[in-house]
Amino acid sequence: MLRAAKILAAAEMILREGDGELEMGQVAEQAGVSVGLAYHYFGSKSGMLGAIIDAFYDRYNHVVNQYIDPDITWRVREKRRLMAAAEFLYNDPMAPVILGKMAQTNQVAAVESARHEEMIEMAIRNIRSGIKRGDIGTHIDPTLAGAAITGAIRSGIMHAMGMRPRPDPAKLTHQIWGMIAGALDIER
Protein backbone atom coordinates (compact mmCIF):
# COMPACT_ATOMS: atom_id res chain seq x y z
CA MET A 1 0.00 0.00 0.00
CA LEU A 2 3.04 2.28 0.13
CA ARG A 3 2.82 2.64 -3.65
CA ALA A 4 -0.89 3.48 -3.45
CA ALA A 5 -0.13 6.18 -0.87
CA LYS A 6 2.63 7.56 -3.11
CA ILE A 7 0.22 7.68 -6.05
CA LEU A 8 -2.44 9.44 -3.98
CA ALA A 9 0.10 11.97 -2.69
CA ALA A 10 1.13 12.75 -6.28
CA ALA A 11 -2.52 13.12 -7.31
CA GLU A 12 -3.23 15.47 -4.40
CA MET A 13 -0.23 17.61 -5.31
CA ILE A 14 -1.40 17.88 -8.93
CA LEU A 15 -4.91 18.80 -7.80
CA ARG A 16 -3.63 21.46 -5.37
CA GLU A 17 -1.26 23.04 -7.86
CA GLY A 18 -3.60 22.83 -10.83
CA ASP A 19 -7.17 23.68 -11.45
CA GLY A 20 -8.67 20.66 -9.68
CA GLU A 21 -8.10 18.45 -12.72
CA LEU A 22 -5.70 15.59 -13.31
CA GLU A 23 -4.96 12.80 -15.72
CA MET A 24 -3.74 9.34 -14.75
CA GLY A 25 -0.61 9.76 -16.88
CA GLN A 26 0.32 12.94 -14.98
CA VAL A 27 -0.18 11.20 -11.66
CA ALA A 28 1.87 8.16 -12.65
CA GLU A 29 4.71 10.36 -13.90
CA GLN A 30 4.68 12.47 -10.72
CA ALA A 31 4.63 9.33 -8.55
CA GLY A 32 7.35 7.63 -10.59
CA VAL A 33 5.20 4.61 -11.40
CA SER A 34 3.59 3.18 -14.50
CA VAL A 35 0.12 4.27 -15.56
CA GLY A 36 -0.90 0.63 -15.33
CA LEU A 37 0.02 0.55 -11.65
CA ALA A 38 -2.12 3.62 -10.96
CA TYR A 39 -5.03 1.90 -12.69
CA HIS A 40 -4.28 -1.31 -10.78
CA TYR A 41 -4.71 0.41 -7.42
CA PHE A 42 -7.64 2.70 -8.25
CA GLY A 43 -9.32 1.23 -11.32
CA SER A 44 -9.97 4.61 -12.93
CA LYS A 45 -9.52 8.32 -12.55
CA SER A 46 -12.88 8.41 -10.77
CA GLY A 47 -11.69 5.71 -8.40
CA MET A 48 -8.59 7.72 -7.58
CA LEU A 49 -10.57 10.91 -7.04
CA GLY A 50 -13.03 8.99 -4.87
CA ALA A 51 -10.16 7.72 -2.71
CA ILE A 52 -8.80 11.27 -2.30
CA ILE A 53 -12.22 12.65 -1.41
CA ASP A 54 -12.94 9.81 1.03
CA ALA A 55 -9.56 10.30 2.71
CA PHE A 56 -10.30 14.02 3.12
CA TYR A 57 -13.68 13.36 4.72
CA ASP A 58 -12.18 10.65 6.93
CA ARG A 59 -9.67 13.23 8.24
CA TYR A 60 -12.47 15.75 8.71
CA ASN A 61 -14.67 13.26 10.58
CA HIS A 62 -11.74 12.29 12.80
CA VAL A 63 -11.39 15.93 13.85
CA VAL A 64 -15.04 16.81 14.33
CA ASN A 65 -15.91 13.54 16.03
CA GLN A 66 -12.97 13.56 18.40
CA TYR A 67 -13.64 12.83 22.04
CA ILE A 68 -14.54 15.95 23.98
CA ASP A 69 -15.29 15.65 27.70
CA PRO A 70 -19.00 14.75 27.96
CA ASP A 71 -19.24 16.29 31.43
CA ILE A 72 -18.94 19.84 30.12
CA THR A 73 -22.07 21.57 28.91
CA TRP A 74 -23.33 20.72 25.45
CA ARG A 75 -22.88 24.35 24.36
CA VAL A 76 -19.20 24.49 25.39
CA ARG A 77 -18.42 21.09 23.92
CA GLU A 78 -20.06 21.84 20.58
CA LYS A 79 -18.46 25.26 20.27
CA ARG A 80 -15.09 23.53 20.67
CA ARG A 81 -16.09 21.02 17.99
CA LEU A 82 -17.06 23.86 15.64
CA MET A 83 -13.71 25.58 16.22
CA ALA A 84 -11.90 22.30 15.47
CA ALA A 85 -13.86 21.96 12.20
CA ALA A 86 -13.04 25.52 11.12
CA GLU A 87 -9.34 25.10 11.93
CA PHE A 88 -9.21 21.77 10.10
CA LEU A 89 -10.81 23.18 6.96
CA TYR A 90 -8.55 26.23 7.04
CA ASN A 91 -5.43 24.09 7.42
CA ASP A 92 -6.01 20.92 5.39
CA PRO A 93 -4.36 21.51 2.00
CA MET A 94 -7.09 19.57 0.16
CA ALA A 95 -10.02 21.52 1.64
CA PRO A 96 -9.88 24.41 -0.88
CA VAL A 97 -9.58 21.94 -3.74
CA ILE A 98 -12.35 19.56 -2.71
CA LEU A 99 -14.75 22.18 -1.37
CA GLY A 100 -13.81 24.76 -3.98
CA LYS A 101 -12.40 23.80 -7.36
CA MET A 102 -13.77 20.27 -7.40
CA ALA A 103 -17.07 20.87 -5.60
CA GLN A 104 -19.11 20.84 -8.81
CA THR A 105 -17.66 17.61 -10.20
CA ASN A 106 -19.72 14.43 -10.22
CA GLN A 107 -17.11 12.61 -8.13
CA VAL A 108 -17.18 15.17 -5.34
CA ALA A 109 -20.93 15.68 -5.53
CA ALA A 110 -21.67 11.98 -5.04
CA VAL A 111 -19.30 11.54 -2.09
CA GLU A 112 -20.23 14.92 -0.63
CA SER A 113 -23.93 14.07 -0.74
CA ALA A 114 -23.42 10.81 1.15
CA ARG A 115 -21.04 12.40 3.67
CA HIS A 116 -23.35 15.38 4.16
CA GLU A 117 -26.21 13.03 5.01
CA GLU A 118 -23.95 11.30 7.56
CA MET A 119 -23.12 14.70 9.09
CA ILE A 120 -26.80 15.60 9.31
CA GLU A 121 -27.56 12.29 11.06
CA MET A 122 -24.72 12.93 13.53
CA ALA A 123 -26.04 16.45 14.16
CA ILE A 124 -29.54 15.11 14.80
CA ARG A 125 -28.22 12.55 17.32
CA ASN A 126 -26.08 15.24 18.92
CA ILE A 127 -29.00 17.65 19.28
CA ARG A 128 -31.18 14.87 20.70
CA SER A 129 -28.42 14.24 23.24
CA GLY A 130 -28.43 17.94 24.16
CA ILE A 131 -32.21 17.85 24.61
CA LYS A 132 -31.97 14.70 26.74
CA ARG A 133 -29.32 16.36 28.94
CA GLY A 134 -31.51 19.43 29.34
CA ASP A 135 -29.04 21.73 27.55
CA ILE A 136 -31.48 22.30 24.66
CA GLY A 137 -35.22 22.85 25.01
CA THR A 138 -37.68 20.12 24.09
CA HIS A 139 -39.44 22.53 21.71
CA ILE A 140 -36.56 22.16 19.23
CA ASP A 141 -37.05 19.66 16.38
CA PRO A 142 -33.67 17.86 16.13
CA THR A 143 -34.27 16.79 12.54
CA LEU A 144 -34.91 20.28 11.21
CA ALA A 145 -32.27 21.87 13.40
CA GLY A 146 -29.64 19.26 12.49
CA ALA A 147 -30.13 19.74 8.76
CA ALA A 148 -30.25 23.54 8.97
CA ILE A 149 -27.21 23.84 11.22
CA THR A 150 -25.12 21.39 9.20
CA GLY A 151 -25.85 23.27 5.99
CA ALA A 152 -25.16 26.65 7.58
CA ILE A 153 -21.85 25.52 9.05
CA ARG A 154 -20.71 24.10 5.72
CA SER A 155 -21.79 27.16 3.73
CA GLY A 156 -20.36 29.63 6.23
CA ILE A 157 -16.96 27.96 6.43
CA MET A 158 -16.74 27.42 2.65
CA HIS A 159 -17.53 31.08 2.03
CA ALA A 160 -14.96 32.18 4.60
CA MET A 161 -12.32 29.96 2.99
CA GLY A 162 -12.74 31.88 -0.27
CA MET A 163 -12.40 35.30 1.35
CA ARG A 164 -9.14 37.25 1.16
CA PRO A 165 -8.06 37.68 3.81
CA ARG A 166 -9.80 34.81 5.51
CA PRO A 167 -11.56 35.69 8.75
CA ASP A 168 -9.80 34.51 11.88
CA PRO A 169 -11.06 31.01 12.80
CA ALA A 170 -12.10 32.19 16.27
CA LYS A 171 -14.12 35.05 14.78
CA LEU A 172 -15.68 32.72 12.23
CA THR A 173 -16.55 30.20 14.95
CA HIS A 174 -18.08 32.94 17.10
CA GLN A 175 -20.24 34.17 14.25
CA ILE A 176 -21.43 30.72 13.16
CA TRP A 177 -22.00 29.77 16.79
CA GLY A 178 -24.34 32.74 17.13
CA MET A 179 -26.47 31.27 14.34
CA ILE A 180 -26.41 27.83 15.97
CA ALA A 181 -27.39 29.25 19.37
CA GLY A 182 -30.27 31.11 17.73
CA ALA A 183 -31.46 28.01 15.87
CA LEU A 184 -31.42 25.99 19.08
CA ASP A 185 -32.75 28.80 21.27
CA ILE A 186 -29.82 28.46 23.68
CA GLU A 187 -27.49 30.95 25.33
CA ARG A 188 -24.71 32.06 23.04
C-alpha atoms as a PDB file:
ATOM      1  CA  MET A   1       0.000   0.000   0.000  1.00  0.00           C
ATOM      2  CA  LEU A   2       3.038   2.277   0.134  1.00  0.00           C
ATOM      3  CA  ARG A   3       2.815   2.644  -3.649  1.00  0.00           C
ATOM      4  CA  ALA A   4      -0.891   3.484  -3.449  1.00  0.00           C
ATOM      5  CA  ALA A   5      -0.128   6.183  -0.867  1.00  0.00           C
ATOM      6  CA  LYS A   6       2.626   7.556  -3.108  1.00  0.00           C
ATOM      7  CA  ILE A   7       0.223   7.675  -6.054  1.00  0.00           C
ATOM      8  CA  LEU A   8      -2.441   9.442  -3.979  1.00  0.00           C
ATOM      9  CA  ALA A   9       0.097  11.968  -2.691  1.00  0.00           C
ATOM     10  CA  ALA A  10       1.127  12.746  -6.277  1.00  0.00           C
ATOM     11  CA  ALA A  11      -2.519  13.121  -7.311  1.00  0.00           C
ATOM     12  CA  GLU A  12      -3.231  15.468  -4.401  1.00  0.00           C
ATOM     13  CA  MET A  13      -0.232  17.612  -5.313  1.00  0.00           C
ATOM     14  CA  ILE A  14      -1.397  17.878  -8.930  1.00  0.00           C
ATOM     15  CA  LEU A  15      -4.914  18.803  -7.800  1.00  0.00           C
ATOM     16  CA  ARG A  16      -3.630  21.460  -5.366  1.00  0.00           C
ATOM     17  CA  GLU A  17      -1.265  23.036  -7.863  1.00  0.00           C
ATOM     18  CA  GLY A  18      -3.605  22.827 -10.833  1.00  0.00           C
ATOM     19  CA  ASP A  19      -7.175  23.685 -11.446  1.00  0.00           C
ATOM     20  CA  GLY A  20      -8.669  20.660  -9.683  1.00  0.00           C
ATOM     21  CA  GLU A  21      -8.098  18.446 -12.724  1.00  0.00           C
ATOM     22  CA  LEU A  22      -5.698  15.590 -13.307  1.00  0.00           C
ATOM     23  CA  GLU A  23      -4.957  12.795 -15.716  1.00  0.00           C
ATOM     24  CA  MET A  24      -3.742   9.340 -14.748  1.00  0.00           C
ATOM     25  CA  GLY A  25      -0.613   9.761 -16.880  1.00  0.00           C
ATOM     26  CA  GLN A  26       0.323  12.944 -14.982  1.00  0.00           C
ATOM     27  CA  VAL A  27      -0.177  11.201 -11.661  1.00  0.00           C
ATOM     28  CA  ALA A  28       1.867   8.164 -12.651  1.00  0.00           C
ATOM     29  CA  GLU A  29       4.708  10.358 -13.902  1.00  0.00           C
ATOM     30  CA  GLN A  30       4.676  12.471 -10.716  1.00  0.00           C
ATOM     31  CA  ALA A  31       4.627   9.333  -8.545  1.00  0.00           C
ATOM     32  CA  GLY A  32       7.355   7.633 -10.590  1.00  0.00           C
ATOM     33  CA  VAL A  33       5.198   4.606 -11.399  1.00  0.00           C
ATOM     34  CA  SER A  34       3.589   3.176 -14.503  1.00  0.00           C
ATOM     35  CA  VAL A  35       0.118   4.273 -15.561  1.00  0.00           C
ATOM     36  CA  GLY A  36      -0.897   0.627 -15.332  1.00  0.00           C
ATOM     37  CA  LEU A  37       0.022   0.553 -11.648  1.00  0.00           C
ATOM     38  CA  ALA A  38      -2.122   3.621 -10.961  1.00  0.00           C
ATOM     39  CA  TYR A  39      -5.031   1.898 -12.687  1.00  0.00           C
ATOM     40  CA  HIS A  40      -4.276  -1.315 -10.780  1.00  0.00           C
ATOM     41  CA  TYR A  41      -4.715   0.411  -7.421  1.00  0.00           C
ATOM     42  CA  PHE A  42      -7.640   2.697  -8.248  1.00  0.00           C
ATOM     43  CA  GLY A  43      -9.320   1.235 -11.323  1.00  0.00           C
ATOM     44  CA  SER A  44      -9.967   4.610 -12.929  1.00  0.00           C
ATOM     45  CA  LYS A  45      -9.521   8.322 -12.554  1.00  0.00           C
ATOM     46  CA  SER A  46     -12.884   8.411 -10.773  1.00  0.00           C
ATOM     47  CA  GLY A  47     -11.694   5.707  -8.398  1.00  0.00           C
ATOM     48  CA  MET A  48      -8.587   7.717  -7.578  1.00  0.00           C
ATOM     49  CA  LEU A  49     -10.573  10.909  -7.038  1.00  0.00           C
ATOM     50  CA  GLY A  50     -13.026   8.986  -4.867  1.00  0.00           C
ATOM     51  CA  ALA A  51     -10.156   7.717  -2.708  1.00  0.00           C
ATOM     52  CA  ILE A  52      -8.800  11.265  -2.304  1.00  0.00           C
ATOM     53  CA  ILE A  53     -12.223  12.647  -1.412  1.00  0.00           C
ATOM     54  CA  ASP A  54     -12.942   9.814   1.033  1.00  0.00           C
ATOM     55  CA  ALA A  55      -9.560  10.305   2.714  1.00  0.00           C
ATOM     56  CA  PHE A  56     -10.300  14.022   3.115  1.00  0.00           C
ATOM     57  CA  TYR A  57     -13.685  13.357   4.716  1.00  0.00           C
ATOM     58  CA  ASP A  58     -12.184  10.647   6.930  1.00  0.00           C
ATOM     59  CA  ARG A  59      -9.672  13.225   8.242  1.00  0.00           C
ATOM     60  CA  TYR A  60     -12.473  15.752   8.714  1.00  0.00           C
ATOM     61  CA  ASN A  61     -14.672  13.259  10.579  1.00  0.00           C
ATOM     62  CA  HIS A  62     -11.740  12.295  12.801  1.00  0.00           C
ATOM     63  CA  VAL A  63     -11.386  15.934  13.845  1.00  0.00           C
ATOM     64  CA  VAL A  64     -15.043  16.812  14.326  1.00  0.00           C
ATOM     65  CA  ASN A  65     -15.914  13.538  16.034  1.00  0.00           C
ATOM     66  CA  GLN A  66     -12.968  13.560  18.404  1.00  0.00           C
ATOM     67  CA  TYR A  67     -13.638  12.834  22.039  1.00  0.00           C
ATOM     68  CA  ILE A  68     -14.538  15.948  23.983  1.00  0.00           C
ATOM     69  CA  ASP A  69     -15.293  15.650  27.704  1.00  0.00           C
ATOM     70  CA  PRO A  70     -18.996  14.749  27.962  1.00  0.00           C
ATOM     71  CA  ASP A  71     -19.240  16.292  31.428  1.00  0.00           C
ATOM     72  CA  ILE A  72     -18.945  19.842  30.124  1.00  0.00           C
ATOM     73  CA  THR A  73     -22.073  21.567  28.910  1.00  0.00           C
ATOM     74  CA  TRP A  74     -23.331  20.724  25.449  1.00  0.00           C
ATOM     75  CA  ARG A  75     -22.876  24.346  24.360  1.00  0.00           C
ATOM     76  CA  VAL A  76     -19.205  24.487  25.391  1.00  0.00           C
ATOM     77  CA  ARG A  77     -18.422  21.087  23.915  1.00  0.00           C
ATOM     78  CA  GLU A  78     -20.061  21.841  20.577  1.00  0.00           C
ATOM     79  CA  LYS A  79     -18.462  25.257  20.270  1.00  0.00           C
ATOM     80  CA  ARG A  80     -15.091  23.530  20.673  1.00  0.00           C
ATOM     81  CA  ARG A  81     -16.093  21.023  17.990  1.00  0.00           C
ATOM     82  CA  LEU A  82     -17.063  23.864  15.636  1.00  0.00           C
ATOM     83  CA  MET A  83     -13.713  25.581  16.216  1.00  0.00           C
ATOM     84  CA  ALA A  84     -11.895  22.301  15.468  1.00  0.00           C
ATOM     85  CA  ALA A  85     -13.861  21.963  12.202  1.00  0.00           C
ATOM     86  CA  ALA A  86     -13.039  25.521  11.125  1.00  0.00           C
ATOM     87  CA  GLU A  87      -9.344  25.096  11.932  1.00  0.00           C
ATOM     88  CA  PHE A  88      -9.214  21.768  10.101  1.00  0.00           C
ATOM     89  CA  LEU A  89     -10.807  23.176   6.960  1.00  0.00           C
ATOM     90  CA  TYR A  90      -8.551  26.229   7.045  1.00  0.00           C
ATOM     91  CA  ASN A  91      -5.432  24.088   7.418  1.00  0.00           C
ATOM     92  CA  ASP A  92      -6.014  20.917   5.394  1.00  0.00           C
ATOM     93  CA  PRO A  93      -4.365  21.511   2.002  1.00  0.00           C
ATOM     94  CA  MET A  94      -7.085  19.570   0.162  1.00  0.00           C
ATOM     95  CA  ALA A  95     -10.016  21.519   1.639  1.00  0.00           C
ATOM     96  CA  PRO A  96      -9.883  24.409  -0.880  1.00  0.00           C
ATOM     97  CA  VAL A  97      -9.579  21.938  -3.739  1.00  0.00           C
ATOM     98  CA  ILE A  98     -12.354  19.561  -2.713  1.00  0.00           C
ATOM     99  CA  LEU A  99     -14.750  22.176  -1.369  1.00  0.00           C
ATOM    100  CA  GLY A 100     -13.812  24.758  -3.982  1.00  0.00           C
ATOM    101  CA  LYS A 101     -12.395  23.802  -7.356  1.00  0.00           C
ATOM    102  CA  MET A 102     -13.773  20.266  -7.400  1.00  0.00           C
ATOM    103  CA  ALA A 103     -17.074  20.866  -5.600  1.00  0.00           C
ATOM    104  CA  GLN A 104     -19.109  20.844  -8.807  1.00  0.00           C
ATOM    105  CA  THR A 105     -17.661  17.614 -10.204  1.00  0.00           C
ATOM    106  CA  ASN A 106     -19.719  14.433 -10.219  1.00  0.00           C
ATOM    107  CA  GLN A 107     -17.114  12.606  -8.134  1.00  0.00           C
ATOM    108  CA  VAL A 108     -17.178  15.165  -5.342  1.00  0.00           C
ATOM    109  CA  ALA A 109     -20.930  15.685  -5.528  1.00  0.00           C
ATOM    110  CA  ALA A 110     -21.665  11.979  -5.042  1.00  0.00           C
ATOM    111  CA  VAL A 111     -19.304  11.536  -2.086  1.00  0.00           C
ATOM    112  CA  GLU A 112     -20.230  14.918  -0.632  1.00  0.00           C
ATOM    113  CA  SER A 113     -23.927  14.067  -0.744  1.00  0.00           C
ATOM    114  CA  ALA A 114     -23.416  10.811   1.153  1.00  0.00           C
ATOM    115  CA  ARG A 115     -21.039  12.398   3.666  1.00  0.00           C
ATOM    116  CA  HIS A 116     -23.349  15.383   4.164  1.00  0.00           C
ATOM    117  CA  GLU A 117     -26.215  13.027   5.013  1.00  0.00           C
ATOM    118  CA  GLU A 118     -23.953  11.301   7.559  1.00  0.00           C
ATOM    119  CA  MET A 119     -23.121  14.695   9.090  1.00  0.00           C
ATOM    120  CA  ILE A 120     -26.802  15.598   9.314  1.00  0.00           C
ATOM    121  CA  GLU A 121     -27.562  12.293  11.061  1.00  0.00           C
ATOM    122  CA  MET A 122     -24.725  12.931  13.531  1.00  0.00           C
ATOM    123  CA  ALA A 123     -26.043  16.446  14.163  1.00  0.00           C
ATOM    124  CA  ILE A 124     -29.541  15.107  14.799  1.00  0.00           C
ATOM    125  CA  ARG A 125     -28.221  12.552  17.317  1.00  0.00           C
ATOM    126  CA  ASN A 126     -26.083  15.241  18.916  1.00  0.00           C
ATOM    127  CA  ILE A 127     -29.003  17.651  19.278  1.00  0.00           C
ATOM    128  CA  ARG A 128     -31.179  14.867  20.701  1.00  0.00           C
ATOM    129  CA  SER A 129     -28.424  14.237  23.237  1.00  0.00           C
ATOM    130  CA  GLY A 130     -28.433  17.942  24.160  1.00  0.00           C
ATOM    131  CA  ILE A 131     -32.207  17.846  24.609  1.00  0.00           C
ATOM    132  CA  LYS A 132     -31.971  14.701  26.744  1.00  0.00           C
ATOM    133  CA  ARG A 133     -29.325  16.358  28.938  1.00  0.00           C
ATOM    134  CA  GLY A 134     -31.505  19.430  29.344  1.00  0.00           C
ATOM    135  CA  ASP A 135     -29.039  21.727  27.546  1.00  0.00           C
ATOM    136  CA  ILE A 136     -31.478  22.296  24.657  1.00  0.00           C
ATOM    137  CA  GLY A 137     -35.218  22.853  25.007  1.00  0.00           C
ATOM    138  CA  THR A 138     -37.677  20.121  24.094  1.00  0.00           C
ATOM    139  CA  HIS A 139     -39.436  22.532  21.713  1.00  0.00           C
ATOM    140  CA  ILE A 140     -36.557  22.158  19.230  1.00  0.00           C
ATOM    141  CA  ASP A 141     -37.048  19.657  16.385  1.00  0.00           C
ATOM    142  CA  PRO A 142     -33.667  17.865  16.135  1.00  0.00           C
ATOM    143  CA  THR A 143     -34.269  16.793  12.538  1.00  0.00           C
ATOM    144  CA  LEU A 144     -34.914  20.279  11.206  1.00  0.00           C
ATOM    145  CA  ALA A 145     -32.273  21.873  13.405  1.00  0.00           C
ATOM    146  CA  GLY A 146     -29.636  19.263  12.494  1.00  0.00           C
ATOM    147  CA  ALA A 147     -30.126  19.736   8.758  1.00  0.00           C
ATOM    148  CA  ALA A 148     -30.252  23.541   8.971  1.00  0.00           C
ATOM    149  CA  ILE A 149     -27.212  23.840  11.218  1.00  0.00           C
ATOM    150  CA  THR A 150     -25.117  21.387   9.198  1.00  0.00           C
ATOM    151  CA  GLY A 151     -25.852  23.274   5.993  1.00  0.00           C
ATOM    152  CA  ALA A 152     -25.162  26.651   7.575  1.00  0.00           C
ATOM    153  CA  ILE A 153     -21.846  25.522   9.049  1.00  0.00           C
ATOM    154  CA  ARG A 154     -20.707  24.101   5.724  1.00  0.00           C
ATOM    155  CA  SER A 155     -21.785  27.157   3.727  1.00  0.00           C
ATOM    156  CA  GLY A 156     -20.361  29.634   6.226  1.00  0.00           C
ATOM    157  CA  ILE A 157     -16.965  27.957   6.426  1.00  0.00           C
ATOM    158  CA  MET A 158     -16.744  27.415   2.651  1.00  0.00           C
ATOM    159  CA  HIS A 159     -17.532  31.077   2.027  1.00  0.00           C
ATOM    160  CA  ALA A 160     -14.957  32.180   4.598  1.00  0.00           C
ATOM    161  CA  MET A 161     -12.318  29.955   2.986  1.00  0.00           C
ATOM    162  CA  GLY A 162     -12.736  31.875  -0.266  1.00  0.00           C
ATOM    163  CA  MET A 163     -12.405  35.302   1.350  1.00  0.00           C
ATOM    164  CA  ARG A 164      -9.143  37.249   1.157  1.00  0.00           C
ATOM    165  CA  PRO A 165      -8.062  37.679   3.809  1.00  0.00           C
ATOM    166  CA  ARG A 166      -9.803  34.811   5.511  1.00  0.00           C
ATOM    167  CA  PRO A 167     -11.563  35.686   8.751  1.00  0.00           C
ATOM    168  CA  ASP A 168      -9.801  34.508  11.882  1.00  0.00           C
ATOM    169  CA  PRO A 169     -11.061  31.005  12.797  1.00  0.00           C
ATOM    170  CA  ALA A 170     -12.097  32.188  16.271  1.00  0.00           C
ATOM    171  CA  LYS A 171     -14.124  35.052  14.782  1.00  0.00           C
ATOM    172  CA  LEU A 172     -15.683  32.722  12.226  1.00  0.00           C
ATOM    173  CA  THR A 173     -16.546  30.203  14.948  1.00  0.00           C
ATOM    174  CA  HIS A 174     -18.081  32.941  17.096  1.00  0.00           C
ATOM    175  CA  GLN A 175     -20.242  34.174  14.245  1.00  0.00           C
ATOM    176  CA  ILE A 176     -21.427  30.717  13.165  1.00  0.00           C
ATOM    177  CA  TRP A 177     -21.998  29.770  16.792  1.00  0.00           C
ATOM    178  CA  GLY A 178     -24.340  32.742  17.133  1.00  0.00           C
ATOM    179  CA  MET A 179     -26.470  31.273  14.341  1.00  0.00           C
ATOM    180  CA  ILE A 180     -26.414  27.830  15.972  1.00  0.00           C
ATOM    181  CA  ALA A 181     -27.393  29.253  19.367  1.00  0.00           C
ATOM    182  CA  GLY A 182     -30.266  31.107  17.729  1.00  0.00           C
ATOM    183  CA  ALA A 183     -31.460  28.010  15.867  1.00  0.00           C
ATOM    184  CA  LEU A 184     -31.416  25.993  19.085  1.00  0.00           C
ATOM    185  CA  ASP A 185     -32.752  28.800  21.270  1.00  0.00           C
ATOM    186  CA  ILE A 186     -29.818  28.463  23.680  1.00  0.00           C
ATOM    187  CA  GLU A 187     -27.486  30.947  25.330  1.00  0.00           C
ATOM    188  CA  ARG A 188     -24.709  32.060  23.041  1.00  0.00           C
END
